[in-house]
Amino acid sequence: MIAYNAGMLLRRVVKFYIDGFRSMTLGRTLWCIILLKLFIMFAVLKAFFFPAYLQGGDAEKGEAVSTELTRRAAPEN
């Protein structure tokens, strides 16, 4: 009985949001802008400004992390 009510509630909530998105006019444009900005932030900026430091096998990754942690713990004067 409880699972049936939860399923019905979930179905009603999903239908509510689907109907809401269908009737949007300005909101659709805003969602397109939001998705475009997210794509730019995560795909384009990540590719150019955040290089992959940890490439290679497990030993190389461990060495890179160890070196970086030691360098940050004892900065050069």
N, C-alpha and C. Protein backbone atom coordinates (compact mmCIF):
# COMPACT_ATOMS: atom_id res chain seq x y z
N MET A 1 0.82 -1.19 0.00
CA MET A 1 0.00 0.00 0.00
C MET A 1 0.87 1.26 0.00
N ILE A 2 1.92 1.28 0.80
CA ILE A 2 2.79 2.46 0.87
C ILE A 2 3.55 2.63 -0.44
N ALA A 3 4.05 1.53 -1.03
CA ALA A 3 4.80 1.62 -2.28
C ALA A 3 3.91 2.14 -3.41
N TYR A 4 2.66 1.75 -3.40
CA TYR A 4 1.72 2.22 -4.42
C TYR A 4 1.54 3.73 -4.30
N ASN A 5 1.36 4.23 -3.09
CA ASN A 5 1.18 5.67 -2.89
C ASN A 5 2.44 6.45 -3.26
N ALA A 6 3.61 5.90 -2.94
CA ALA A 6 4.86 6.57 -3.28
C ALA A 6 5.03 6.60 -4.80
N GLY A 7 4.68 5.52 -5.46
CA GLY A 7 4.76 5.48 -6.92
C GLY A 7 3.81 6.47 -7.56
N MET A 8 2.61 6.56 -7.03
CA MET A 8 1.63 7.52 -7.56
C MET A 8 2.10 8.96 -7.33
N LEU A 9 2.66 9.21 -6.15
CA LEU A 9 3.15 10.55 -5.84
C LEU A 9 4.29 10.92 -6.79
N LEU A 10 5.21 10.00 -7.00
CA LEU A 10 6.33 10.26 -7.90
C LEU A 10 5.83 10.52 -9.32
N ARG A 11 4.86 9.73 -9.76
CA ARG A 11 4.29 9.91 -11.10
C ARG A 11 3.61 11.27 -11.23
N ARG A 12 2.89 11.69 -10.20
CA ARG A 12 2.21 12.98 -10.23
C ARG A 12 3.21 14.14 -10.24
N VAL A 13 4.29 14.01 -9.48
CA VAL A 13 5.32 15.06 -9.44
C VAL A 13 6.00 15.18 -10.81
N VAL A 14 6.34 14.04 -11.42
CA VAL A 14 6.98 14.05 -12.73
C VAL A 14 6.06 14.67 -13.76
N LYS A 15 4.78 14.30 -13.73
CA LYS A 15 3.81 14.87 -14.68
C LYS A 15 3.67 16.38 -14.48
N PHE A 16 3.69 16.82 -13.23
CA PHE A 16 3.60 18.24 -12.91
C PHE A 16 4.76 19.01 -13.55
N TYR A 17 5.99 18.50 -13.41
CA TYR A 17 7.14 19.19 -13.98
C TYR A 17 7.16 19.12 -15.50
N ILE A 18 6.76 18.01 -16.08
CA ILE A 18 6.71 17.89 -17.53
C ILE A 18 5.72 18.90 -18.11
N ASP A 19 4.54 18.98 -17.51
CA ASP A 19 3.55 19.95 -17.98
C ASP A 19 4.05 21.38 -17.82
N GLY A 20 4.76 21.64 -16.73
CA GLY A 20 5.31 22.98 -16.50
C GLY A 20 6.35 23.36 -17.54
N PHE A 21 7.24 22.42 -17.88
CA PHE A 21 8.26 22.72 -18.87
C PHE A 21 7.68 22.86 -20.28
N ARG A 22 6.61 22.16 -20.55
CA ARG A 22 5.97 22.28 -21.88
C ARG A 22 5.38 23.66 -22.08
N SER A 23 4.84 24.25 -21.03
CA SER A 23 4.15 25.54 -21.18
C SER A 23 5.07 26.73 -21.02
N MET A 24 6.36 26.52 -20.79
CA MET A 24 7.29 27.64 -20.62
C MET A 24 7.61 28.28 -21.96
N THR A 25 7.80 29.58 -21.96
CA THR A 25 8.27 30.27 -23.16
C THR A 25 9.62 30.93 -22.85
N LEU A 26 9.64 31.86 -21.93
CA LEU A 26 10.88 32.52 -21.54
C LEU A 26 11.80 31.56 -20.78
N GLY A 27 11.22 30.69 -20.00
CA GLY A 27 12.00 29.74 -19.22
C GLY A 27 12.83 28.81 -20.08
N ARG A 28 12.31 28.45 -21.23
CA ARG A 28 13.04 27.56 -22.15
C ARG A 28 14.34 28.23 -22.61
N THR A 29 14.24 29.51 -22.94
CA THR A 29 15.42 30.26 -23.35
C THR A 29 16.43 30.35 -22.21
N LEU A 30 15.94 30.60 -21.02
CA LEU A 30 16.83 30.69 -19.87
C LEU A 30 17.52 29.36 -19.59
N TRP A 31 16.78 28.25 -19.71
CA TRP A 31 17.39 26.94 -19.51
C TRP A 31 18.45 26.66 -20.57
N CYS A 32 18.23 27.09 -21.80
CA CYS A 32 19.24 26.92 -22.86
C CYS A 32 20.50 27.69 -22.52
N ILE A 33 20.34 28.91 -22.02
CA ILE A 33 21.49 29.72 -21.63
C ILE A 33 22.24 29.05 -20.47
N ILE A 34 21.51 28.54 -19.49
CA ILE A 34 22.13 27.87 -18.34
C ILE A 34 22.91 26.65 -18.80
N LEU A 35 22.33 25.83 -19.66
CA LEU A 35 23.01 24.63 -20.14
C LEU A 35 24.23 24.98 -20.98
N LEU A 36 24.15 26.03 -21.77
CA LEU A 36 25.29 26.47 -22.56
C LEU A 36 26.43 26.93 -21.66
N LYS A 37 26.09 27.70 -20.62
CA LYS A 37 27.12 28.16 -19.68
C LYS A 37 27.76 26.99 -18.95
N LEU A 38 26.97 26.01 -18.54
CA LEU A 38 27.53 24.84 -17.87
C LEU A 38 28.46 24.07 -18.80
N PHE A 39 28.07 23.94 -20.06
CA PHE A 39 28.93 23.26 -21.03
C PHE A 39 30.25 24.00 -21.18
N ILE A 40 30.18 25.32 -21.29
CA ILE A 40 31.40 26.11 -21.43
C ILE A 40 32.28 25.96 -20.21
N MET A 41 31.68 26.04 -19.02
CA MET A 41 32.48 25.95 -17.79
C MET A 41 33.15 24.59 -17.65
N PHE A 42 32.42 23.52 -17.87
CA PHE A 42 32.97 22.20 -17.58
C PHE A 42 33.74 21.59 -18.74
N ALA A 43 33.38 21.85 -19.95
CA ALA A 43 34.05 21.21 -21.08
C ALA A 43 35.19 22.07 -21.61
N VAL A 44 34.89 23.31 -21.93
CA VAL A 44 35.89 24.15 -22.58
C VAL A 44 36.94 24.63 -21.59
N LEU A 45 36.52 25.21 -20.48
CA LEU A 45 37.49 25.73 -19.52
C LEU A 45 38.34 24.63 -18.91
N LYS A 46 37.76 23.49 -18.64
CA LYS A 46 38.52 22.38 -18.07
C LYS A 46 39.61 21.92 -19.02
N ALA A 47 39.31 21.88 -20.30
CA ALA A 47 40.27 21.41 -21.28
C ALA A 47 41.46 22.38 -21.41
N PHE A 48 41.22 23.68 -21.26
CA PHE A 48 42.29 24.65 -21.48
C PHE A 48 43.01 25.09 -20.21
N PHE A 49 42.30 25.19 -19.09
CA PHE A 49 42.90 25.77 -17.90
C PHE A 49 43.24 24.79 -16.79
N PHE A 50 42.79 23.57 -16.88
CA PHE A 50 43.05 22.59 -15.83
C PHE A 50 43.73 21.37 -16.44
N PRO A 51 45.04 21.41 -16.56
CA PRO A 51 45.74 20.27 -17.18
C PRO A 51 45.67 19.04 -16.29
N ALA A 52 45.78 17.89 -16.91
CA ALA A 52 45.74 16.62 -16.18
C ALA A 52 47.15 16.31 -15.68
N TYR A 53 47.39 16.54 -14.41
CA TYR A 53 48.70 16.29 -13.84
C TYR A 53 48.94 14.80 -13.59
N LEU A 54 47.89 14.09 -13.29
CA LEU A 54 48.04 12.70 -12.87
C LEU A 54 47.81 11.74 -14.03
N GLN A 55 48.70 11.75 -14.98
CA GLN A 55 48.62 10.79 -16.07
C GLN A 55 49.68 9.73 -15.85
N GLY A 56 49.40 8.52 -16.28
CA GLY A 56 50.36 7.44 -16.14
C GLY A 56 49.84 6.37 -15.21
N GLY A 57 50.75 5.51 -14.77
CA GLY A 57 50.38 4.39 -13.92
C GLY A 57 50.22 4.80 -12.47
N ASP A 58 49.91 3.81 -11.63
CA ASP A 58 49.69 4.08 -10.21
C ASP A 58 50.95 4.58 -9.52
N ALA A 59 52.11 4.02 -9.89
CA ALA A 59 53.37 4.44 -9.26
C ALA A 59 53.69 5.89 -9.60
N GLU A 60 53.46 6.28 -10.84
CA GLU A 60 53.73 7.65 -11.25
C GLU A 60 52.77 8.62 -10.57
N LYS A 61 51.52 8.22 -10.43
CA LYS A 61 50.53 9.08 -9.76
C LYS A 61 50.90 9.24 -8.29
N GLY A 62 51.28 8.15 -7.64
CA GLY A 62 51.68 8.21 -6.24
C GLY A 62 52.90 9.09 -6.04
N GLU A 63 53.85 8.99 -6.93
CA GLU A 63 55.06 9.82 -6.85
C GLU A 63 54.72 11.30 -7.04
N ALA A 64 53.85 11.60 -7.99
CA ALA A 64 53.47 13.00 -8.24
C ALA A 64 52.74 13.59 -7.04
N VAL A 65 51.84 12.83 -6.44
CA VAL A 65 51.10 13.32 -5.27
C VAL A 65 52.06 13.50 -4.09
N SER A 66 52.94 12.54 -3.88
CA SER A 66 53.90 12.62 -2.78
C SER A 66 54.82 13.83 -2.93
N THR A 67 55.31 14.05 -4.13
CA THR A 67 56.19 15.19 -4.38
C THR A 67 55.46 16.51 -4.14
N GLU A 68 54.24 16.61 -4.61
CA GLU A 68 53.47 17.84 -4.44
C GLU A 68 53.15 18.11 -2.98
N LEU A 69 52.78 17.06 -2.24
CA LEU A 69 52.47 17.26 -0.82
C LEU A 69 53.71 17.66 -0.04
N THR A 70 54.86 17.07 -0.35
CA THR A 70 56.09 17.42 0.36
C THR A 70 56.52 18.83 0.02
N ARG A 71 56.36 19.20 -1.24
CA ARG A 71 56.73 20.57 -1.65
C ARG A 71 55.86 21.61 -0.96
N ARG A 72 54.59 21.31 -0.80
CA ARG A 72 53.69 22.28 -0.15
C ARG A 72 53.89 22.31 1.36
N ALA A 73 54.30 21.19 1.95
CA ALA A 73 54.47 21.14 3.41
C ALA A 73 55.73 21.90 3.83
N ALA A 74 56.76 21.84 3.01
CA ALA A 74 58.02 22.51 3.34
C ALA A 74 58.38 23.46 2.20
N PRO A 75 57.78 24.67 2.18
CA PRO A 75 58.06 25.60 1.08
C PRO A 75 59.49 26.10 1.13
N GLU A 76 60.02 26.37 -0.05
CA GLU A 76 61.37 26.90 -0.14
C GLU A 76 61.37 28.37 0.25
N ASN A 77 62.44 28.80 0.90
CA ASN A 77 62.54 30.20 1.34
C ASN A 77 63.17 31.06 0.32
